[in-house]
C-alpha atoms as a PDB file:
ATOM      1  CA  MET A   1     151.149 168.683 180.787  1.00  0.00           C
ATOM      2  CA  LYS A   2     148.941 170.400 178.303  1.00  0.00           C
ATOM      3  CA  LYS A   3     149.979 172.680 175.676  1.00  0.00           C
ATOM      4  CA  ARG A   4     148.129 176.178 175.363  1.00  0.00           C
ATOM      5  CA  LYS A   5     146.786 177.178 172.118  1.00  0.00           C
ATOM      6  CA  LYS A   6     148.512 180.376 170.811  1.00  0.00           C
ATOM      7  CA  SER A   7     145.921 182.893 170.866  1.00  0.00           C
ATOM      8  CA  LYS A   8     145.413 184.679 167.623  1.00  0.00           C
ATOM      9  CA  LYS A   9     145.562 188.130 167.445  1.00  0.00           C
ATOM     10  CA  LEU A  10     142.072 189.732 166.809  1.00  0.00           C
ATOM     11  CA  ILE A  11     140.705 192.098 163.958  1.00  0.00           C
ATOM     12  CA  THR A  12     139.849 195.371 165.796  1.00  0.00           C
ATOM     13  CA  VAL A  13     136.522 196.915 164.440  1.00  0.00           C
ATOM     14  CA  LYS A  14     136.663 200.620 164.216  1.00  0.00           C
ATOM     15  CA  SER A  15     133.500 201.277 162.936  1.00  0.00           C
ATOM     16  CA  LEU A  16     129.871 199.596 163.057  1.00  0.00           C
ATOM     17  CA  SER A  17     129.680 199.599 159.393  1.00  0.00           C
ATOM     18  CA  GLU A  18     132.333 196.847 159.323  1.00  0.00           C
ATOM     19  CA  VAL A  19     130.143 194.407 161.270  1.00  0.00           C
ATOM     20  CA  PRO A  20     127.977 192.237 158.779  1.00  0.00           C
ATOM     21  CA  ASP A  21     124.354 191.186 159.287  1.00  0.00           C
ATOM     22  CA  PHE A  22     124.426 187.682 160.738  1.00  0.00           C
ATOM     23  CA  HIS A  23     122.153 184.856 159.786  1.00  0.00           C
ATOM     24  CA  SER A  24     122.436 183.037 162.937  1.00  0.00           C
ATOM     25  CA  GLU A  25     123.611 183.252 166.541  1.00  0.00           C
ATOM     26  CA  ASP A  26     126.570 180.725 165.594  1.00  0.00           C
ATOM     27  CA  ALA A  27     127.743 183.080 162.658  1.00  0.00           C
ATOM     28  CA  GLU A  28     127.865 185.876 165.089  1.00  0.00           C
ATOM     29  CA  ARG A  29     129.635 183.807 167.809  1.00  0.00           C
ATOM     30  CA  ARG A  30     132.299 182.633 165.211  1.00  0.00           C
ATOM     31  CA  TYR A  31     132.640 186.491 164.018  1.00  0.00           C
ATOM     32  CA  TRP A  32     133.253 187.646 167.455  1.00  0.00           C
ATOM     33  CA  GLU A  33     135.785 184.828 168.420  1.00  0.00           C
ATOM     34  CA  THR A  34     138.119 186.678 165.718  1.00  0.00           C
ATOM     35  CA  HIS A  35     137.213 190.175 166.274  1.00  0.00           C
ATOM     36  CA  ASP A  36     137.144 192.748 168.722  1.00  0.00           C
ATOM     37  CA  ILE A  37     135.648 196.577 169.129  1.00  0.00           C
ATOM     38  CA  SER A  38     138.449 199.355 169.248  1.00  0.00           C
ATOM     39  CA  LYS A  39     138.403 200.978 172.804  1.00  0.00           C
ATOM     40  CA  LYS A  40     137.403 204.435 170.757  1.00  0.00           C
ATOM     41  CA  LEU A  41     134.278 202.697 169.202  1.00  0.00           C
ATOM     42  CA  TRP A  42     133.172 200.809 172.503  1.00  0.00           C
ATOM     43  CA  ASP A  43     133.371 204.479 174.490  1.00  0.00           C
ATOM     44  CA  ARG A  44     130.793 205.762 171.871  1.00  0.00           C
ATOM     45  CA  LEU A  45     128.694 202.660 172.236  1.00  0.00           C
ATOM     46  CA  TYR A  46     128.825 202.534 176.099  1.00  0.00           C
ATOM     47  CA  ASP A  47     126.156 204.522 178.143  1.00  0.00           C
ATOM     48  CA  PRO A  48     126.390 204.773 181.782  1.00  0.00           C
ATOM     49  CA  LYS A  49     122.765 205.793 182.160  1.00  0.00           C
ATOM     50  CA  ILE A  50     121.441 202.566 180.499  1.00  0.00           C
ATOM     51  CA  GLU A  51     123.829 200.455 182.443  1.00  0.00           C
ATOM     52  CA  LYS A  52     122.506 202.002 185.860  1.00  0.00           C
ATOM     53  CA  GLU A  53     118.828 201.448 184.776  1.00  0.00           C
ATOM     54  CA  ALA A  54     119.520 197.823 183.766  1.00  0.00           C
ATOM     55  CA  ASN A  55     121.364 196.884 186.779  1.00  0.00           C
ATOM     56  CA  SER A  56     118.555 198.362 188.604  1.00  0.00           C
ATOM     57  CA  MET A  57     115.729 196.589 186.917  1.00  0.00           C
ATOM     58  CA  ILE A  58     118.011 193.439 187.421  1.00  0.00           C
ATOM     59  CA  LYS A  59     118.040 194.012 191.272  1.00  0.00           C
ATOM     60  CA  ARG A  60     114.094 194.226 191.156  1.00  0.00           C
ATOM     61  CA  LEU A  61     113.454 191.291 189.222  1.00  0.00           C
ATOM     62  CA  LYS A  62     115.600 189.089 191.591  1.00  0.00           C
ATOM     63  CA  MET A  63     113.593 190.523 194.450  1.00  0.00           C
ATOM     64  CA  THR A  64     110.212 189.816 192.825  1.00  0.00           C
ATOM     65  CA  ASP A  65     111.621 186.060 191.698  1.00  0.00           C
ATOM     66  CA  ARG A  66     109.230 183.681 193.789  1.00  0.00           C
ATOM     67  CA  ARG A  67     110.771 180.155 192.227  1.00  0.00           C
ATOM     68  CA  LYS A  68     112.570 179.680 195.800  1.00  0.00           C
END
């Protein structure tokens, strides 16, 4: 039977100023493995209108995909 790794508690980011500039995708990936965005900050960043437009664009792109 495999042992589960204990999950470490993530550090909560409450402001965008707490997020550093990343020099590579690997550095950013390592950062987000140990950090999480607070619900309050996420709600400020989330825009339902943008998500709706993005989903619409994805559907249009799938309909025009001719690689099949």
